[in-house]
Every structure is written in structure tokens, then in C-alpha cells.
Amino acid sequence: MSRNNGRAASSRLDALMRRKAELASALRTEREKRKAIEEKERERLSLIVGRALLANAAQYPDFDLMLRGVLKTTIKPGSAELNYLKAKGWLQ
């Protein structure tokens, strides 16, 4: 009788361990999906905000000057972004 109980307990434990692994895999997948969604939303936000800032800078010289100052102090020196902004005439 104790062998049957031992096998049943072992079988339940094995089933629970498999379920735990399945849940961990599903959780990883959901986290990856959520991260991809958040990245996509961030890109969209960047495009919308960037367009608005560019339009405002084109319309108001003071804002253009302020935006250039912000870019100059926030873009990492030597970065591809800085080189691109210099090539486009946004920074010197």
C-alpha cells in the first residue's frame, strides 16, 4: 500500500513540476509579447512627439533654438545620433 501511495505522490509531483515548467514558459512568452508591444508604443510616441516638436521648431525660432540646446546637451557625444543631427544641420 505504501508503494502505491509513494508512486501516486511521485506522479502528482511530476505532473506539478511539468505544469510549473509550462507556466514558466507561458509567462516568459507573455512578458516578451508585452515588451514588444511597449517598444512599438514607445516608437509611435516618439514619432508623434518628434513631429510636433519639429513643426513647432519650424514655426517659432525661439523654440528651435531651445530644442537645439536640449539636443546638444542630451545626445551622447560621439554617438550615431549626434553625427546624424550634425549631418542634417541640427547641431554643429
PDB file of N, CA and C in Angstrom:
ATOM      1  N   MET A   1       0.808  -1.183   0.000  1.00  0.00           N
ATOM      2  CA  MET A   1       0.000   0.000   0.000  1.00  0.00           C
ATOM      3  C   MET A   1       0.862   1.262   0.000  1.00  0.00           C
ATOM      4  N   SER A   2       1.942   1.279   0.768  1.00  0.00           N
ATOM      5  CA  SER A   2       2.769   2.472   0.813  1.00  0.00           C
ATOM      6  C   SER A   2       3.484   2.696  -0.519  1.00  0.00           C
ATOM      7  N   ARG A   3       3.756   1.629  -1.277  1.00  0.00           N
ATOM      8  CA  ARG A   3       4.360   1.802  -2.604  1.00  0.00           C
ATOM      9  C   ARG A   3       3.403   2.540  -3.532  1.00  0.00           C
ATOM     10  N   ASN A   4       2.126   2.165  -3.496  1.00  0.00           N
ATOM     11  CA  ASN A   4       1.135   2.848  -4.319  1.00  0.00           C
ATOM     12  C   ASN A   4       1.016   4.324  -3.938  1.00  0.00           C
ATOM     13  N   ASN A   5       1.010   4.583  -2.643  1.00  0.00           N
ATOM     14  CA  ASN A   5       0.949   5.969  -2.185  1.00  0.00           C
ATOM     15  C   ASN A   5       2.185   6.739  -2.626  1.00  0.00           C
ATOM     16  N   GLY A   6       3.327   6.100  -2.543  1.00  0.00           N
ATOM     17  CA  GLY A   6       4.586   6.716  -2.963  1.00  0.00           C
ATOM     18  C   GLY A   6       4.585   7.006  -4.449  1.00  0.00           C
ATOM     19  N   ARG A   7       4.105   6.061  -5.263  1.00  0.00           N
ATOM     20  CA  ARG A   7       4.029   6.267  -6.716  1.00  0.00           C
ATOM     21  C   ARG A   7       3.023   7.364  -7.056  1.00  0.00           C
ATOM     22  N   ALA A   8       1.915   7.383  -6.393  1.00  0.00           N
ATOM     23  CA  ALA A   8       0.889   8.390  -6.649  1.00  0.00           C
ATOM     24  C   ALA A   8       1.417   9.781  -6.300  1.00  0.00           C
ATOM     25  N   ALA A   9       2.101   9.868  -5.178  1.00  0.00           N
ATOM     26  CA  ALA A   9       2.668  11.152  -4.768  1.00  0.00           C
ATOM     27  C   ALA A   9       3.744  11.589  -5.755  1.00  0.00           C
ATOM     28  N   SER A  10       4.575  10.657  -6.185  1.00  0.00           N
ATOM     29  CA  SER A  10       5.619  10.963  -7.158  1.00  0.00           C
ATOM     30  C   SER A  10       4.999  11.388  -8.491  1.00  0.00           C
ATOM     31  N   SER A  11       3.941  10.708  -8.887  1.00  0.00           N
ATOM     32  CA  SER A  11       3.252  11.036 -10.123  1.00  0.00           C
ATOM     33  C   SER A  11       2.638  12.439 -10.045  1.00  0.00           C
ATOM     34  N   ARG A  12       2.022  12.758  -8.926  1.00  0.00           N
ATOM     35  CA  ARG A  12       1.450  14.101  -8.739  1.00  0.00           C
ATOM     36  C   ARG A  12       2.546  15.159  -8.748  1.00  0.00           C
ATOM     37  N   LEU A  13       3.641  14.839  -8.094  1.00  0.00           N
ATOM     38  CA  LEU A  13       4.763  15.775  -8.054  1.00  0.00           C
ATOM     39  C   LEU A  13       5.308  16.012  -9.457  1.00  0.00           C
ATOM     40  N   ASP A  14       5.477  14.932 -10.226  1.00  0.00           N
ATOM     41  CA  ASP A  14       5.953  15.067 -11.604  1.00  0.00           C
ATOM     42  C   ASP A  14       4.994  15.920 -12.435  1.00  0.00           C
ATOM     43  N   ALA A  15       3.701  15.682 -12.274  1.00  0.00           N
ATOM     44  CA  ALA A  15       2.699  16.450 -13.011  1.00  0.00           C
ATOM     45  C   ALA A  15       2.758  17.931 -12.627  1.00  0.00           C
ATOM     46  N   LEU A  16       2.924  18.202 -11.350  1.00  0.00           N
ATOM     47  CA  LEU A  16       3.019  19.585 -10.904  1.00  0.00           C
ATOM     48  C   LEU A  16       4.286  20.264 -11.422  1.00  0.00           C
ATOM     49  N   MET A  17       5.370  19.527 -11.456  1.00  0.00           N
ATOM     50  CA  MET A  17       6.629  20.076 -11.979  1.00  0.00           C
ATOM     51  C   MET A  17       6.498  20.398 -13.468  1.00  0.00           C
ATOM     52  N   ARG A  18       5.828  19.508 -14.225  1.00  0.00           N
ATOM     53  CA  ARG A  18       5.603  19.771 -15.646  1.00  0.00           C
ATOM     54  C   ARG A  18       4.726  21.018 -15.819  1.00  0.00           C
ATOM     55  N   ARG A  19       3.702  21.112 -15.000  1.00  0.00           N
ATOM     56  CA  ARG A  19       2.801  22.272 -15.068  1.00  0.00           C
ATOM     57  C   ARG A  19       3.550  23.557 -14.718  1.00  0.00           C
ATOM     58  N   LYS A  20       4.424  23.476 -13.738  1.00  0.00           N
ATOM     59  CA  LYS A  20       5.228  24.633 -13.350  1.00  0.00           C
ATOM     60  C   LYS A  20       6.096  25.085 -14.533  1.00  0.00           C
ATOM     61  N   ALA A  21       6.721  24.129 -15.218  1.00  0.00           N
ATOM     62  CA  ALA A  21       7.559  24.460 -16.375  1.00  0.00           C
ATOM     63  C   ALA A  21       6.718  25.076 -17.492  1.00  0.00           C
ATOM     64  N   GLU A  22       5.519  24.526 -17.714  1.00  0.00           N
ATOM     65  CA  GLU A  22       4.623  25.072 -18.745  1.00  0.00           C
ATOM     66  C   GLU A  22       4.219  26.510 -18.409  1.00  0.00           C
ATOM     67  N   LEU A  23       3.891  26.757 -17.154  1.00  0.00           N
ATOM     68  CA  LEU A  23       3.501  28.098 -16.724  1.00  0.00           C
ATOM     69  C   LEU A  23       4.671  29.081 -16.840  1.00  0.00           C
ATOM     70  N   ALA A  24       5.858  28.637 -16.492  1.00  0.00           N
ATOM     71  CA  ALA A  24       7.033  29.495 -16.602  1.00  0.00           C
ATOM     72  C   ALA A  24       7.281  29.873 -18.057  1.00  0.00           C
ATOM     73  N   SER A  25       7.118  28.915 -18.949  1.00  0.00           N
ATOM     74  CA  SER A  25       7.280  29.173 -20.376  1.00  0.00           C
ATOM     75  C   SER A  25       6.217  30.147 -20.876  1.00  0.00           C
ATOM     76  N   ALA A  26       4.976  29.937 -20.466  1.00  0.00           N
ATOM     77  CA  ALA A  26       3.890  30.823 -20.872  1.00  0.00           C
ATOM     78  C   ALA A  26       4.113  32.238 -20.336  1.00  0.00           C
ATOM     79  N   LEU A  27       4.615  32.343 -19.116  1.00  0.00           N
ATOM     80  CA  LEU A  27       4.902  33.638 -18.517  1.00  0.00           C
ATOM     81  C   LEU A  27       6.003  34.371 -19.294  1.00  0.00           C
ATOM     82  N   ARG A  28       7.061  33.648 -19.654  1.00  0.00           N
ATOM     83  CA  ARG A  28       8.135  34.246 -20.452  1.00  0.00           C
ATOM     84  C   ARG A  28       7.590  34.760 -21.783  1.00  0.00           C
ATOM     85  N   THR A  29       6.760  33.952 -22.428  1.00  0.00           N
ATOM     86  CA  THR A  29       6.180  34.340 -23.714  1.00  0.00           C
ATOM     87  C   THR A  29       5.341  35.602 -23.577  1.00  0.00           C
ATOM     88  N   GLU A  30       4.513  35.662 -22.548  1.00  0.00           N
ATOM     89  CA  GLU A  30       3.669  36.837 -22.325  1.00  0.00           C
ATOM     90  C   GLU A  30       4.510  38.074 -22.016  1.00  0.00           C
ATOM     91  N   ARG A  31       5.578  37.905 -21.254  1.00  0.00           N
ATOM     92  CA  ARG A  31       6.466  39.045 -20.960  1.00  0.00           C
ATOM     93  C   ARG A  31       7.123  39.558 -22.231  1.00  0.00           C
ATOM     94  N   GLU A  32       7.560  38.647 -23.095  1.00  0.00           N
ATOM     95  CA  GLU A  32       8.176  39.035 -24.364  1.00  0.00           C
ATOM     96  C   GLU A  32       7.169  39.769 -25.253  1.00  0.00           C
ATOM     97  N   LYS A  33       5.930  39.277 -25.291  1.00  0.00           N
ATOM     98  CA  LYS A  33       4.889  39.948 -26.077  1.00  0.00           C
ATOM     99  C   LYS A  33       4.643  41.352 -25.547  1.00  0.00           C
ATOM    100  N   ARG A  34       4.541  41.470 -24.225  1.00  0.00           N
ATOM    101  CA  ARG A  34       4.291  42.768 -23.604  1.00  0.00           C
ATOM    102  C   ARG A  34       5.434  43.734 -23.886  1.00  0.00           C
ATOM    103  N   LYS A  35       6.659  43.240 -23.832  1.00  0.00           N
ATOM    104  CA  LYS A  35       7.823  44.082 -24.109  1.00  0.00           C
ATOM    105  C   LYS A  35       7.792  44.571 -25.555  1.00  0.00           C
ATOM    106  N   ALA A  36       7.426  43.695 -26.486  1.00  0.00           N
ATOM    107  CA  ALA A  36       7.336  44.085 -27.891  1.00  0.00           C
ATOM    108  C   ALA A  36       6.253  45.141 -28.095  1.00  0.00           C
ATOM    109  N   ILE A  37       5.127  44.986 -27.426  1.00  0.00           N
ATOM    110  CA  ILE A  37       4.044  45.967 -27.519  1.00  0.00           C
ATOM    111  C   ILE A  37       4.499  47.314 -26.964  1.00  0.00           C
ATOM    112  N   GLU A  38       5.167  47.289 -25.819  1.00  0.00           N
ATOM    113  CA  GLU A  38       5.650  48.525 -25.207  1.00  0.00           C
ATOM    114  C   GLU A  38       6.670  49.228 -26.099  1.00  0.00           C
ATOM    115  N   GLU A  39       7.549  48.466 -26.740  1.00  0.00           N
ATOM    116  CA  GLU A  39       8.528  49.050 -27.662  1.00  0.00           C
ATOM    117  C   GLU A  39       7.832  49.712 -28.841  1.00  0.00           C
ATOM    118  N   LYS A  40       6.833  49.034 -29.386  1.00  0.00           N
ATOM    119  CA  LYS A  40       6.085  49.574 -30.521  1.00  0.00           C
ATOM    120  C   LYS A  40       5.364  50.861 -30.123  1.00  0.00           C
ATOM    121  N   GLU A  41       4.763  50.868 -28.926  1.00  0.00           N
ATOM    122  CA  GLU A  41       4.082  52.064 -28.440  1.00  0.00           C
ATOM    123  C   GLU A  41       5.068  53.210 -28.218  1.00  0.00           C
ATOM    124  N   ARG A  42       6.237  52.893 -27.715  1.00  0.00           N
ATOM    125  CA  ARG A  42       7.268  53.923 -27.496  1.00  0.00           C
ATOM    126  C   ARG A  42       7.722  54.522 -28.817  1.00  0.00           C
ATOM    127  N   GLU A  43       7.890  53.687 -29.825  1.00  0.00           N
ATOM    128  CA  GLU A  43       8.271  54.181 -31.148  1.00  0.00           C
ATOM    129  C   GLU A  43       7.202  55.113 -31.708  1.00  0.00           C
ATOM    130  N   ARG A  44       5.942  54.728 -31.573  1.00  0.00           N
ATOM    131  CA  ARG A  44       4.844  55.564 -32.062  1.00  0.00           C
ATOM    132  C   ARG A  44       4.822  56.894 -31.323  1.00  0.00           C
ATOM    133  N   LEU A  45       4.973  56.847 -30.008  1.00  0.00           N
ATOM    134  CA  LEU A  45       5.012  58.064 -29.209  1.00  0.00           C
ATOM    135  C   LEU A  45       6.160  58.964 -29.657  1.00  0.00           C
ATOM    136  N   SER A  46       7.318  58.377 -29.908  1.00  0.00           N
ATOM    137  CA  SER A  46       8.475  59.151 -30.360  1.00  0.00           C
ATOM    138  C   SER A  46       8.198  59.842 -31.687  1.00  0.00           C
ATOM    139  N   LEU A  47       7.548  59.139 -32.594  1.00  0.00           N
ATOM    140  CA  LEU A  47       7.215  59.739 -33.885  1.00  0.00           C
ATOM    141  C   LEU A  47       6.248  60.905 -33.730  1.00  0.00           C
ATOM    142  N   ILE A  48       5.218  60.716 -32.920  1.00  0.00           N
ATOM    143  CA  ILE A  48       4.214  61.767 -32.727  1.00  0.00           C
ATOM    144  C   ILE A  48       4.835  62.990 -32.059  1.00  0.00           C
ATOM    145  N   VAL A  49       5.557  62.773 -30.977  1.00  0.00           N
ATOM    146  CA  VAL A  49       6.179  63.884 -30.250  1.00  0.00           C
ATOM    147  C   VAL A  49       7.236  64.562 -31.127  1.00  0.00           C
ATOM    148  N   GLY A  50       8.024  63.758 -31.811  1.00  0.00           N
ATOM    149  CA  GLY A  50       9.054  64.316 -32.694  1.00  0.00           C
ATOM    150  C   GLY A  50       8.470  65.190 -33.787  1.00  0.00           C
ATOM    151  N   ARG A  51       7.404  64.737 -34.411  1.00  0.00           N
ATOM    152  CA  ARG A  51       6.751  65.540 -35.456  1.00  0.00           C
ATOM    153  C   ARG A  51       6.236  66.862 -34.897  1.00  0.00           C
ATOM    154  N   ALA A  52       5.632  66.792 -33.713  1.00  0.00           N
ATOM    155  CA  ALA A  52       5.103  68.009 -33.096  1.00  0.00           C
ATOM    156  C   ALA A  52       6.236  68.982 -32.758  1.00  0.00           C
ATOM    157  N   LEU A  53       7.335  68.465 -32.234  1.00  0.00           N
ATOM    158  CA  LEU A  53       8.473  69.330 -31.898  1.00  0.00           C
ATOM    159  C   LEU A  53       9.071  69.954 -33.150  1.00  0.00           C
ATOM    160  N   LEU A  54       9.219  69.182 -34.209  1.00  0.00           N
ATOM    161  CA  LEU A  54       9.770  69.718 -35.458  1.00  0.00           C
ATOM    162  C   LEU A  54       8.856  70.792 -36.047  1.00  0.00           C
ATOM    163  N   ALA A  55       7.557  70.550 -36.010  1.00  0.00           N
ATOM    164  CA  ALA A  55       6.613  71.541 -36.531  1.00  0.00           C
ATOM    165  C   ALA A  55       6.681  72.830 -35.720  1.00  0.00           C
ATOM    166  N   ASN A  56       6.757  72.697 -34.408  1.00  0.00           N
ATOM    167  CA  ASN A  56       6.835  73.861 -33.539  1.00  0.00           C
ATOM    168  C   ASN A  56       8.149  74.606 -33.754  1.00  0.00           C
ATOM    169  N   ALA A  57       9.238  73.867 -33.908  1.00  0.00           N
ATOM    170  CA  ALA A  57      10.545  74.492 -34.126  1.00  0.00           C
ATOM    171  C   ALA A  57      10.575  75.246 -35.454  1.00  0.00           C
ATOM    172  N   ALA A  58       9.887  74.724 -36.460  1.00  0.00           N
ATOM    173  CA  ALA A  58       9.836  75.390 -37.757  1.00  0.00           C
ATOM    174  C   ALA A  58       9.031  76.690 -37.682  1.00  0.00           C
ATOM    175  N   GLN A  59       8.097  76.737 -36.764  1.00  0.00           N
ATOM    176  CA  GLN A  59       7.220  77.893 -36.648  1.00  0.00           C
ATOM    177  C   GLN A  59       7.757  78.967 -35.708  1.00  0.00           C
ATOM    178  N   TYR A  60       8.478  78.571 -34.680  1.00  0.00           N
ATOM    179  CA  TYR A  60       8.933  79.509 -33.650  1.00  0.00           C
ATOM    180  C   TYR A  60      10.453  79.430 -33.479  1.00  0.00           C
ATOM    181  N   PRO A  61      11.163  80.485 -33.899  1.00  0.00           N
ATOM    182  CA  PRO A  61      12.630  80.483 -33.808  1.00  0.00           C
ATOM    183  C   PRO A  61      13.169  80.287 -32.383  1.00  0.00           C
ATOM    184  N   ASP A  62      12.495  80.845 -31.397  1.00  0.00           N
ATOM    185  CA  ASP A  62      12.964  80.669 -30.018  1.00  0.00           C
ATOM    186  C   ASP A  62      12.881  79.207 -29.592  1.00  0.00           C
ATOM    187  N   PHE A  63      11.803  78.548 -29.983  1.00  0.00           N
ATOM    188  CA  PHE A  63      11.653  77.136 -29.657  1.00  0.00           C
ATOM    189  C   PHE A  63      12.706  76.308 -30.392  1.00  0.00           C
ATOM    190  N   ASP A  64      12.968  76.679 -31.647  1.00  0.00           N
ATOM    191  CA  ASP A  64      14.005  75.986 -32.427  1.00  0.00           C
ATOM    192  C   ASP A  64      15.348  76.067 -31.704  1.00  0.00           C
ATOM    193  N   LEU A  65      15.681  77.249 -31.229  1.00  0.00           N
ATOM    194  CA  LEU A  65      16.942  77.446 -30.511  1.00  0.00           C
ATOM    195  C   LEU A  65      16.978  76.616 -29.227  1.00  0.00           C
ATOM    196  N   MET A  66      15.857  76.623 -28.495  1.00  0.00           N
ATOM    197  CA  MET A  66      15.794  75.846 -27.256  1.00  0.00           C
ATOM    198  C   MET A  66      15.929  74.342 -27.551  1.00  0.00           C
ATOM    199  N   LEU A  67      15.241  73.880 -28.590  1.00  0.00           N
ATOM    200  CA  LEU A  67      15.301  72.462 -28.953  1.00  0.00           C
ATOM    201  C   LEU A  67      16.716  72.050 -29.332  1.00  0.00           C
ATOM    202  N   ARG A  68      17.395  72.889 -30.077  1.00  0.00           N
ATOM    203  CA  ARG A  68      18.797  72.594 -30.434  1.00  0.00           C
ATOM    204  C   ARG A  68      19.679  72.517 -29.179  1.00  0.00           C
ATOM    205  N   GLY A  69      19.427  73.403 -28.227  1.00  0.00           N
ATOM    206  CA  GLY A  69      20.179  73.378 -26.976  1.00  0.00           C
ATOM    207  C   GLY A  69      19.922  72.100 -26.195  1.00  0.00           C
ATOM    208  N   VAL A  70      18.674  71.677 -26.160  1.00  0.00           N
ATOM    209  CA  VAL A  70      18.337  70.430 -25.462  1.00  0.00           C
ATOM    210  C   VAL A  70      19.029  69.259 -26.142  1.00  0.00           C
ATOM    211  N   LEU A  71      18.972  69.223 -27.455  1.00  0.00           N
ATOM    212  CA  LEU A  71      19.615  68.129 -28.187  1.00  0.00           C
ATOM    213  C   LEU A  71      21.124  68.110 -27.933  1.00  0.00           C
ATOM    214  N   LYS A  72      21.716  69.277 -27.947  1.00  0.00           N
ATOM    215  CA  LYS A  72      23.170  69.380 -27.749  1.00  0.00           C
ATOM    216  C   LYS A  72      23.593  68.828 -26.387  1.00  0.00           C
ATOM    217  N   THR A  73      22.758  69.038 -25.383  1.00  0.00           N
ATOM    218  CA  THR A  73      23.140  68.600 -24.039  1.00  0.00           C
ATOM    219  C   THR A  73      22.672  67.181 -23.697  1.00  0.00           C
ATOM    220  N   THR A  74      21.764  66.626 -24.479  1.00  0.00           N
ATOM    221  CA  THR A  74      21.236  65.300 -24.126  1.00  0.00           C
ATOM    222  C   THR A  74      21.727  64.171 -25.016  1.00  0.00           C
ATOM    223  N   ILE A  75      22.175  64.485 -26.227  1.00  0.00           N
ATOM    224  CA  ILE A  75      22.659  63.440 -27.124  1.00  0.00           C
ATOM    225  C   ILE A  75      24.099  63.110 -26.763  1.00  0.00           C
ATOM    226  N   LYS A  76      24.372  61.835 -26.640  1.00  0.00           N
ATOM    227  CA  LYS A  76      25.693  61.360 -26.208  1.00  0.00           C
ATOM    228  C   LYS A  76      26.775  61.758 -27.223  1.00  0.00           C
ATOM    229  N   PRO A  77      27.857  62.387 -26.745  1.00  0.00           N
ATOM    230  CA  PRO A  77      28.948  62.772 -27.644  1.00  0.00           C
ATOM    231  C   PRO A  77      29.513  61.564 -28.400  1.00  0.00           C
ATOM    232  N   GLY A  78      29.758  61.748 -29.672  1.00  0.00           N
ATOM    233  CA  GLY A  78      30.337  60.687 -30.495  1.00  0.00           C
ATOM    234  C   GLY A  78      29.343  59.639 -30.952  1.00  0.00           C
ATOM    235  N   SER A  79      28.076  59.797 -30.602  1.00  0.00           N
ATOM    236  CA  SER A  79      27.077  58.789 -30.971  1.00  0.00           C
ATOM    237  C   SER A  79      26.631  58.953 -32.423  1.00  0.00           C
ATOM    238  N   ALA A  80      26.028  57.907 -32.946  1.00  0.00           N
ATOM    239  CA  ALA A  80      25.493  57.950 -34.309  1.00  0.00           C
ATOM    240  C   ALA A  80      24.397  59.005 -34.409  1.00  0.00           C
ATOM    241  N   GLU A  81      23.618  59.165 -33.337  1.00  0.00           N
ATOM    242  CA  GLU A  81      22.556  60.163 -33.332  1.00  0.00           C
ATOM    243  C   GLU A  81      23.133  61.574 -33.459  1.00  0.00           C
ATOM    244  N   LEU A  82      24.210  61.845 -32.731  1.00  0.00           N
ATOM    245  CA  LEU A  82      24.849  63.158 -32.796  1.00  0.00           C
ATOM    246  C   LEU A  82      25.402  63.407 -34.196  1.00  0.00           C
ATOM    247  N   ASN A  83      26.049  62.415 -34.758  1.00  0.00           N
ATOM    248  CA  ASN A  83      26.586  62.555 -36.113  1.00  0.00           C
ATOM    249  C   ASN A  83      25.472  62.812 -37.123  1.00  0.00           C
ATOM    250  N   TYR A  84      24.352  62.134 -36.951  1.00  0.00           N
ATOM    251  CA  TYR A  84      23.213  62.318 -37.850  1.00  0.00           C
ATOM    252  C   TYR A  84      22.656  63.734 -37.734  1.00  0.00           C
ATOM    253  N   LEU A  85      22.482  64.210 -36.504  1.00  0.00           N
ATOM    254  CA  LEU A  85      21.966  65.564 -36.305  1.00  0.00           C
ATOM    255  C   LEU A  85      22.915  66.616 -36.870  1.00  0.00           C
ATOM    256  N   LYS A  86      24.191  66.383 -36.765  1.00  0.00           N
ATOM    257  CA  LYS A  86      25.178  67.302 -37.354  1.00  0.00           C
ATOM    258  C   LYS A  86      25.082  67.277 -38.877  1.00  0.00           C
ATOM    259  N   ALA A  87      24.961  66.093 -39.440  1.00  0.00           N
ATOM    260  CA  ALA A  87      24.851  65.974 -40.901  1.00  0.00           C
ATOM    261  C   ALA A  87      23.583  66.647 -41.419  1.00  0.00           C
ATOM    262  N   LYS A  88      22.532  66.643 -40.635  1.00  0.00           N
ATOM    263  CA  LYS A  88      21.267  67.274 -41.027  1.00  0.00           C
ATOM    264  C   LYS A  88      21.226  68.764 -40.714  1.00  0.00           C
ATOM    265  N   GLY A  89      22.284  69.276 -40.104  1.00  0.00           N
ATOM    266  CA  GLY A  89      22.355  70.696 -39.808  1.00  0.00           C
ATOM    267  C   GLY A  89      21.663  71.120 -38.522  1.00  0.00           C
ATOM    268  N   TRP A  90      21.276  70.160 -37.713  1.00  0.00           N
ATOM    269  CA  TRP A  90      20.619  70.496 -36.450  1.00  0.00           C
ATOM    270  C   TRP A  90      21.621  70.893 -35.375  1.00  0.00           C
ATOM    271  N   LEU A  91      22.804  70.359 -35.457  1.00  0.00           N
ATOM    272  CA  LEU A  91      23.844  70.675 -34.465  1.00  0.00           C
ATOM    273  C   LEU A  91      25.144  70.952 -35.194  1.00  0.00           C
ATOM    274  N   GLN A  92      26.028  71.674 -34.506  1.00  0.00           N
ATOM    275  CA  GLN A  92      27.335  71.972 -35.106  1.00  0.00           C
ATOM    276  C   GLN A  92      28.412  71.175 -34.421  1.00  0.00           C
TER     277      GLN A  92
END
